[in-house]
Amino acid sequence: MRLTLSDRAVPTLLRGHHWIFRDALDRRRGGAPKLGQSVEVADGRGRVLGRGLFDPDSPIAVRMYAVGEGPPVTPATVT
């Protein structure tokens, strides 16, 4: 699943802040991922900025684990 970051939040992520707060997501795009689901985070032009884990109940909606186009976390990749 892909979530879109608001334009004002992109520079913060690119500077290395890897927590994405709920209000930094563009609510007009994307869907409703489940708790712990791996999501792609993209800018408004569709460029993938990285991957993270989603939390629907926290003010920190996504905690990034990879910057750039990395593989998703799956049960097979977690050891």
PDB file of N, CA and C in Angstrom:
ATOM      1  N   MET A   1       0.848  -1.170   0.000  1.00  0.00           N
ATOM      2  CA  MET A   1       0.000   0.000   0.000  1.00  0.00           C
ATOM      3  C   MET A   1       0.893   1.233   0.000  1.00  0.00           C
ATOM      4  N   ARG A   2       0.459   2.252  -0.687  1.00  0.00           N
ATOM      5  CA  ARG A   2       1.232   3.493  -0.781  1.00  0.00           C
ATOM      6  C   ARG A   2       0.479   4.627  -0.101  1.00  0.00           C
ATOM      7  N   LEU A   3       1.186   5.381   0.748  1.00  0.00           N
ATOM      8  CA  LEU A   3       0.649   6.581   1.368  1.00  0.00           C
ATOM      9  C   LEU A   3       1.411   7.773   0.812  1.00  0.00           C
ATOM     10  N   THR A   4       0.719   8.898   0.685  1.00  0.00           N
ATOM     11  CA  THR A   4       1.333  10.100   0.141  1.00  0.00           C
ATOM     12  C   THR A   4       1.582  11.100   1.253  1.00  0.00           C
ATOM     13  N   LEU A   5       2.797  11.590   1.280  1.00  0.00           N
ATOM     14  CA  LEU A   5       3.215  12.578   2.258  1.00  0.00           C
ATOM     15  C   LEU A   5       2.815  13.962   1.761  1.00  0.00           C
ATOM     16  N   SER A   6       2.377  14.827   2.666  1.00  0.00           N
ATOM     17  CA  SER A   6       2.043  16.194   2.258  1.00  0.00           C
ATOM     18  C   SER A   6       3.315  16.895   1.787  1.00  0.00           C
ATOM     19  N   ASP A   7       3.162  17.853   0.899  1.00  0.00           N
ATOM     20  CA  ASP A   7       4.313  18.555   0.331  1.00  0.00           C
ATOM     21  C   ASP A   7       5.175  19.213   1.405  1.00  0.00           C
ATOM     22  N   ARG A   8       4.561  19.720   2.453  1.00  0.00           N
ATOM     23  CA  ARG A   8       5.331  20.421   3.493  1.00  0.00           C
ATOM     24  C   ARG A   8       6.146  19.457   4.359  1.00  0.00           C
ATOM     25  N   ALA A   9       5.788  18.163   4.363  1.00  0.00           N
ATOM     26  CA  ALA A   9       6.488  17.188   5.199  1.00  0.00           C
ATOM     27  C   ALA A   9       7.635  16.478   4.488  1.00  0.00           C
ATOM     28  N   VAL A  10       7.691  16.565   3.170  1.00  0.00           N
ATOM     29  CA  VAL A  10       8.738  15.868   2.413  1.00  0.00           C
ATOM     30  C   VAL A  10      10.141  16.300   2.842  1.00  0.00           C
ATOM     31  N   PRO A  11      10.437  17.609   2.946  1.00  0.00           N
ATOM     32  CA  PRO A  11      11.796  18.003   3.336  1.00  0.00           C
ATOM     33  C   PRO A  11      12.219  17.463   4.700  1.00  0.00           C
ATOM     34  N   THR A  12      11.282  17.363   5.627  1.00  0.00           N
ATOM     35  CA  THR A  12      11.595  16.833   6.958  1.00  0.00           C
ATOM     36  C   THR A  12      12.050  15.383   6.868  1.00  0.00           C
ATOM     37  N   LEU A  13      11.346  14.588   6.087  1.00  0.00           N
ATOM     38  CA  LEU A  13      11.730  13.187   5.900  1.00  0.00           C
ATOM     39  C   LEU A  13      13.099  13.095   5.223  1.00  0.00           C
ATOM     40  N   LEU A  14      13.317  13.901   4.208  1.00  0.00           N
ATOM     41  CA  LEU A  14      14.578  13.845   3.471  1.00  0.00           C
ATOM     42  C   LEU A  14      15.766  14.313   4.310  1.00  0.00           C
ATOM     43  N   ARG A  15      15.499  15.113   5.346  1.00  0.00           N
ATOM     44  CA  ARG A  15      16.567  15.536   6.269  1.00  0.00           C
ATOM     45  C   ARG A  15      16.887  14.466   7.305  1.00  0.00           C
ATOM     46  N   GLY A  16      16.109  13.378   7.323  1.00  0.00           N
ATOM     47  CA  GLY A  16      16.444  12.276   8.212  1.00  0.00           C
ATOM     48  C   GLY A  16      15.504  12.037   9.368  1.00  0.00           C
ATOM     49  N   HIS A  17      14.408  12.793   9.452  1.00  0.00           N
ATOM     50  CA  HIS A  17      13.444  12.543  10.526  1.00  0.00           C
ATOM     51  C   HIS A  17      12.514  11.426  10.065  1.00  0.00           C
ATOM     52  N   HIS A  18      12.596  10.258  10.671  1.00  0.00           N
ATOM     53  CA  HIS A  18      11.921   9.075  10.158  1.00  0.00           C
ATOM     54  C   HIS A  18      10.628   8.711  10.859  1.00  0.00           C
ATOM     55  N   TRP A  19      10.071   9.650  11.585  1.00  0.00           N
ATOM     56  CA  TRP A  19       8.718   9.473  12.106  1.00  0.00           C
ATOM     57  C   TRP A  19       7.807  10.350  11.264  1.00  0.00           C
ATOM     58  N   ILE A  20       6.701   9.783  10.804  1.00  0.00           N
ATOM     59  CA  ILE A  20       5.734  10.554  10.039  1.00  0.00           C
ATOM     60  C   ILE A  20       4.465  10.667  10.873  1.00  0.00           C
ATOM     61  N   PHE A  21       4.161  11.889  11.243  1.00  0.00           N
ATOM     62  CA  PHE A  21       2.980  12.138  12.048  1.00  0.00           C
ATOM     63  C   PHE A  21       1.730  12.108  11.163  1.00  0.00           C
ATOM     64  N   ARG A  22       0.626  11.746  11.765  1.00  0.00           N
ATOM     65  CA  ARG A  22      -0.634  11.577  11.049  1.00  0.00           C
ATOM     66  C   ARG A  22      -0.995  12.802  10.215  1.00  0.00           C
ATOM     67  N   ASP A  23      -0.793  13.990  10.753  1.00  0.00           N
ATOM     68  CA  ASP A  23      -1.183  15.196  10.012  1.00  0.00           C
ATOM     69  C   ASP A  23      -0.247  15.502   8.835  1.00  0.00           C
ATOM     70  N   ALA A  24       0.846  14.753   8.683  1.00  0.00           N
ATOM     71  CA  ALA A  24       1.760  14.936   7.557  1.00  0.00           C
ATOM     72  C   ALA A  24       1.357  14.082   6.349  1.00  0.00           C
ATOM     73  N   LEU A  25       0.338  13.251   6.510  1.00  0.00           N
ATOM     74  CA  LEU A  25      -0.127  12.422   5.401  1.00  0.00           C
ATOM     75  C   LEU A  25      -1.205  13.166   4.634  1.00  0.00           C
ATOM     76  N   ASP A  26      -1.170  13.071   3.326  1.00  0.00           N
ATOM     77  CA  ASP A  26      -2.177  13.678   2.473  1.00  0.00           C
ATOM     78  C   ASP A  26      -3.416  12.795   2.531  1.00  0.00           C
ATOM     79  N   ARG A  27      -4.434  13.251   3.193  1.00  0.00           N
ATOM     80  CA  ARG A  27      -5.634  12.438   3.412  1.00  0.00           C
ATOM     81  C   ARG A  27      -6.467  12.249   2.148  1.00  0.00           C
ATOM     82  N   ARG A  28      -6.154  12.985   1.099  1.00  0.00           N
ATOM     83  CA  ARG A  28      -6.904  12.827  -0.145  1.00  0.00           C
ATOM     84  C   ARG A  28      -6.437  11.615  -0.936  1.00  0.00           C
ATOM     85  N   ARG A  29      -5.288  11.059  -0.553  1.00  0.00           N
ATOM     86  CA  ARG A  29      -4.706   9.950  -1.305  1.00  0.00           C
ATOM     87  C   ARG A  29      -4.402   8.800  -0.362  1.00  0.00           C
ATOM     88  N   GLY A  30      -4.211   7.627  -0.929  1.00  0.00           N
ATOM     89  CA  GLY A  30      -3.851   6.468  -0.121  1.00  0.00           C
ATOM     90  C   GLY A  30      -5.081   5.787   0.434  1.00  0.00           C
ATOM     91  N   GLY A  31      -4.854   4.807   1.248  1.00  0.00           N
ATOM     92  CA  GLY A  31      -5.958   4.046   1.808  1.00  0.00           C
ATOM     93  C   GLY A  31      -5.865   3.991   3.306  1.00  0.00           C
ATOM     94  N   ALA A  32      -6.362   2.920   3.860  1.00  0.00           N
ATOM     95  CA  ALA A  32      -6.360   2.726   5.306  1.00  0.00           C
ATOM     96  C   ALA A  32      -5.613   1.432   5.632  1.00  0.00           C
ATOM     97  N   PRO A  33      -4.295   1.510   5.807  1.00  0.00           N
ATOM     98  CA  PRO A  33      -3.536   0.307   6.152  1.00  0.00           C
ATOM     99  C   PRO A  33      -3.881  -0.183   7.550  1.00  0.00           C
ATOM    100  N   LYS A  34      -3.513  -1.407   7.826  1.00  0.00           N
ATOM    101  CA  LYS A  34      -3.748  -2.016   9.131  1.00  0.00           C
ATOM    102  C   LYS A  34      -2.529  -1.832  10.031  1.00  0.00           C
ATOM    103  N   LEU A  35      -2.721  -2.050  11.310  1.00  0.00           N
ATOM    104  CA  LEU A  35      -1.649  -1.952  12.291  1.00  0.00           C
ATOM    105  C   LEU A  35      -0.475  -2.839  11.897  1.00  0.00           C
ATOM    106  N   GLY A  36       0.707  -2.259  11.841  1.00  0.00           N
ATOM    107  CA  GLY A  36       1.923  -3.004  11.541  1.00  0.00           C
ATOM    108  C   GLY A  36       2.155  -3.286  10.075  1.00  0.00           C
ATOM    109  N   GLN A  37       1.257  -2.838   9.222  1.00  0.00           N
ATOM    110  CA  GLN A  37       1.416  -3.085   7.789  1.00  0.00           C
ATOM    111  C   GLN A  37       2.567  -2.254   7.233  1.00  0.00           C
ATOM    112  N   SER A  38       3.356  -2.870   6.358  1.00  0.00           N
ATOM    113  CA  SER A  38       4.426  -2.173   5.664  1.00  0.00           C
ATOM    114  C   SER A  38       3.804  -1.321   4.563  1.00  0.00           C
ATOM    115  N   VAL A  39       4.176  -0.032   4.527  1.00  0.00           N
ATOM    116  CA  VAL A  39       3.633   0.888   3.532  1.00  0.00           C
ATOM    117  C   VAL A  39       4.760   1.600   2.805  1.00  0.00           C
ATOM    118  N   GLU A  40       4.526   1.923   1.546  1.00  0.00           N
ATOM    119  CA  GLU A  40       5.415   2.811   0.815  1.00  0.00           C
ATOM    120  C   GLU A  40       4.977   4.230   1.118  1.00  0.00           C
ATOM    121  N   VAL A  41       5.951   5.110   1.273  1.00  0.00           N
ATOM    122  CA  VAL A  41       5.664   6.522   1.469  1.00  0.00           C
ATOM    123  C   VAL A  41       6.172   7.243   0.230  1.00  0.00           C
ATOM    124  N   ALA A  42       5.283   8.019  -0.399  1.00  0.00           N
ATOM    125  CA  ALA A  42       5.627   8.707  -1.632  1.00  0.00           C
ATOM    126  C   ALA A  42       5.350  10.203  -1.497  1.00  0.00           C
ATOM    127  N   ASP A  43       5.982  10.985  -2.380  1.00  0.00           N
ATOM    128  CA  ASP A  43       5.667  12.411  -2.426  1.00  0.00           C
ATOM    129  C   ASP A  43       4.468  12.615  -3.344  1.00  0.00           C
ATOM    130  N   GLY A  44       4.040  13.841  -3.509  1.00  0.00           N
ATOM    131  CA  GLY A  44       2.864  14.145  -4.309  1.00  0.00           C
ATOM    132  C   GLY A  44       2.999  13.816  -5.780  1.00  0.00           C
ATOM    133  N   ARG A  45       4.223  13.636  -6.259  1.00  0.00           N
ATOM    134  CA  ARG A  45       4.446  13.272  -7.659  1.00  0.00           C
ATOM    135  C   ARG A  45       4.535  11.759  -7.844  1.00  0.00           C
ATOM    136  N   GLY A  46       4.404  11.003  -6.745  1.00  0.00           N
ATOM    137  CA  GLY A  46       4.441   9.550  -6.831  1.00  0.00           C
ATOM    138  C   GLY A  46       5.818   8.945  -6.652  1.00  0.00           C
ATOM    139  N   ARG A  47       6.828   9.777  -6.381  1.00  0.00           N
ATOM    140  CA  ARG A  47       8.193   9.273  -6.168  1.00  0.00           C
ATOM    141  C   ARG A  47       8.255   8.587  -4.803  1.00  0.00           C
ATOM    142  N   VAL A  48       8.690   7.333  -4.781  1.00  0.00           N
ATOM    143  CA  VAL A  48       8.787   6.591  -3.518  1.00  0.00           C
ATOM    144  C   VAL A  48       9.952   7.139  -2.706  1.00  0.00           C
ATOM    145  N   LEU A  49       9.655   7.531  -1.461  1.00  0.00           N
ATOM    146  CA  LEU A  49      10.659   8.091  -0.561  1.00  0.00           C
ATOM    147  C   LEU A  49      11.205   7.055   0.401  1.00  0.00           C
ATOM    148  N   GLY A  50      10.431   5.997   0.640  1.00  0.00           N
ATOM    149  CA  GLY A  50      10.872   4.955   1.548  1.00  0.00           C
ATOM    150  C   GLY A  50       9.724   4.065   1.976  1.00  0.00           C
ATOM    151  N   ARG A  51      10.014   3.240   2.974  1.00  0.00           N
ATOM    152  CA  ARG A  51       9.025   2.309   3.521  1.00  0.00           C
ATOM    153  C   ARG A  51       8.998   2.436   5.031  1.00  0.00           C
ATOM    154  N   GLY A  52       7.830   2.143   5.583  1.00  0.00           N
ATOM    155  CA  GLY A  52       7.685   2.197   7.023  1.00  0.00           C
ATOM    156  C   GLY A  52       6.570   1.297   7.492  1.00  0.00           C
ATOM    157  N   LEU A  53       6.396   1.248   8.800  1.00  0.00           N
ATOM    158  CA  LEU A  53       5.331   0.457   9.416  1.00  0.00           C
ATOM    159  C   LEU A  53       4.247   1.396   9.911  1.00  0.00           C
ATOM    160  N   PHE A  54       3.010   1.054   9.621  1.00  0.00           N
ATOM    161  CA  PHE A  54       1.868   1.914   9.919  1.00  0.00           C
ATOM    162  C   PHE A  54       1.267   1.599  11.277  1.00  0.00           C
ATOM    163  N   ASP A  55       0.814   2.644  11.970  1.00  0.00           N
ATOM    164  CA  ASP A  55       0.102   2.495  13.241  1.00  0.00           C
ATOM    165  C   ASP A  55      -1.122   3.403  13.208  1.00  0.00           C
ATOM    166  N   PRO A  56      -2.318   2.848  13.094  1.00  0.00           N
ATOM    167  CA  PRO A  56      -3.520   3.673  12.986  1.00  0.00           C
ATOM    168  C   PRO A  56      -3.923   4.361  14.288  1.00  0.00           C
ATOM    169  N   ASP A  57      -3.373   3.922  15.414  1.00  0.00           N
ATOM    170  CA  ASP A  57      -3.804   4.445  16.709  1.00  0.00           C
ATOM    171  C   ASP A  57      -2.845   5.454  17.325  1.00  0.00           C
ATOM    172  N   SER A  58      -1.706   5.680  16.718  1.00  0.00           N
ATOM    173  CA  SER A  58      -0.690   6.561  17.273  1.00  0.00           C
ATOM    174  C   SER A  58      -0.644   7.880  16.511  1.00  0.00           C
ATOM    175  N   PRO A  59      -0.256   8.966  17.184  1.00  0.00           N
ATOM    176  CA  PRO A  59      -0.021  10.213  16.449  1.00  0.00           C
ATOM    177  C   PRO A  59       1.106  10.055  15.426  1.00  0.00           C
ATOM    178  N   ILE A  60       2.040   9.124  15.697  1.00  0.00           N
ATOM    179  CA  ILE A  60       3.094   8.805  14.736  1.00  0.00           C
ATOM    180  C   ILE A  60       2.524   7.692  13.857  1.00  0.00           C
ATOM    181  N   ALA A  61       2.041   8.074  12.679  1.00  0.00           N
ATOM    182  CA  ALA A  61       1.332   7.131  11.820  1.00  0.00           C
ATOM    183  C   ALA A  61       2.262   6.140  11.139  1.00  0.00           C
ATOM    184  N   VAL A  62       3.485   6.586  10.803  1.00  0.00           N
ATOM    185  CA  VAL A  62       4.432   5.718  10.104  1.00  0.00           C
ATOM    186  C   VAL A  62       5.803   5.880  10.732  1.00  0.00           C
ATOM    187  N   ARG A  63       6.431   4.764  11.016  1.00  0.00           N
ATOM    188  CA  ARG A  63       7.826   4.750  11.469  1.00  0.00           C
ATOM    189  C   ARG A  63       8.636   4.136  10.340  1.00  0.00           C
ATOM    190  N   MET A  64       9.477   4.953   9.728  1.00  0.00           N
ATOM    191  CA  MET A  64      10.232   4.529   8.555  1.00  0.00           C
ATOM    192  C   MET A  64      11.308   3.525   8.944  1.00  0.00           C
ATOM    193  N   TYR A  65      11.497   2.508   8.113  1.00  0.00           N
ATOM    194  CA  TYR A  65      12.596   1.568   8.314  1.00  0.00           C
ATOM    195  C   TYR A  65      13.535   1.539   7.121  1.00  0.00           C
ATOM    196  N   ALA A  66      13.156   2.176   6.022  1.00  0.00           N
ATOM    197  CA  ALA A  66      14.027   2.238   4.850  1.00  0.00           C
ATOM    198  C   ALA A  66      13.762   3.538   4.109  1.00  0.00           C
ATOM    199  N   VAL A  67      14.817   4.173   3.669  1.00  0.00           N
ATOM    200  CA  VAL A  67      14.699   5.366   2.848  1.00  0.00           C
ATOM    201  C   VAL A  67      15.089   4.972   1.435  1.00  0.00           C
ATOM    202  N   GLY A  68      14.326   5.427   0.465  1.00  0.00           N
ATOM    203  CA  GLY A  68      14.518   4.994  -0.913  1.00  0.00           C
ATOM    204  C   GLY A  68      13.627   3.797  -1.172  1.00  0.00           C
ATOM    205  N   GLU A  69      13.817   3.162  -2.289  1.00  0.00           N
ATOM    206  CA  GLU A  69      12.986   2.015  -2.639  1.00  0.00           C
ATOM    207  C   GLU A  69      13.604   0.739  -2.088  1.00  0.00           C
ATOM    208  N   GLY A  70      13.139   0.326  -0.917  1.00  0.00           N
ATOM    209  CA  GLY A  70      13.624  -0.896  -0.294  1.00  0.00           C
ATOM    210  C   GLY A  70      12.550  -1.960  -0.304  1.00  0.00           C
ATOM    211  N   PRO A  71      12.901  -3.176   0.035  1.00  0.00           N
ATOM    212  CA  PRO A  71      11.908  -4.248   0.051  1.00  0.00           C
ATOM    213  C   PRO A  71      10.970  -4.116   1.255  1.00  0.00           C
ATOM    214  N   PRO A  72       9.752  -4.615   1.146  1.00  0.00           N
ATOM    215  CA  PRO A  72       8.837  -4.575   2.279  1.00  0.00           C
ATOM    216  C   PRO A  72       9.242  -5.560   3.357  1.00  0.00           C
ATOM    217  N   VAL A  73       8.820  -5.296   4.574  1.00  0.00           N
ATOM    218  CA  VAL A  73       9.030  -6.238   5.665  1.00  0.00           C
ATOM    219  C   VAL A  73       7.911  -7.270   5.595  1.00  0.00           C
ATOM    220  N   THR A  74       8.289  -8.519   5.578  1.00  0.00           N
ATOM    221  CA  THR A  74       7.317  -9.607   5.580  1.00  0.00           C
ATOM    222  C   THR A  74       7.750 -10.607   6.647  1.00  0.00           C
ATOM    223  N   PRO A  75       6.892 -11.527   7.045  1.00  0.00           N
ATOM    224  CA  PRO A  75       7.316 -12.536   8.023  1.00  0.00           C
ATOM    225  C   PRO A  75       8.567 -13.291   7.584  1.00  0.00           C
ATOM    226  N   ALA A  76       8.745 -13.460   6.281  1.00  0.00           N
ATOM    227  CA  ALA A  76       9.912 -14.182   5.782  1.00  0.00           C
ATOM    228  C   ALA A  76      11.207 -13.392   5.942  1.00  0.00           C
ATOM    229  N   THR A  77      11.113 -12.046   6.000  1.00  0.00           N
ATOM    230  CA  THR A  77      12.332 -11.247   6.109  1.00  0.00           C
ATOM    231  C   THR A  77      12.682 -10.874   7.537  1.00  0.00           C
ATOM    232  N   VAL A  78      11.795 -11.153   8.474  1.00  0.00           N
ATOM    233  CA  VAL A  78      12.054 -10.831   9.882  1.00  0.00           C
ATOM    234  C   VAL A  78      12.649 -12.076  10.559  1.00  0.00           C
ATOM    235  N   THR A  79      13.795 -11.879  11.188  1.00  0.00           N
ATOM    236  CA  THR A  79      14.423 -13.016  11.893  1.00  0.00           C
ATOM    237  C   THR A  79      14.617 -12.710  13.347  1.00  0.00           C
TER     238      THR A  79
END
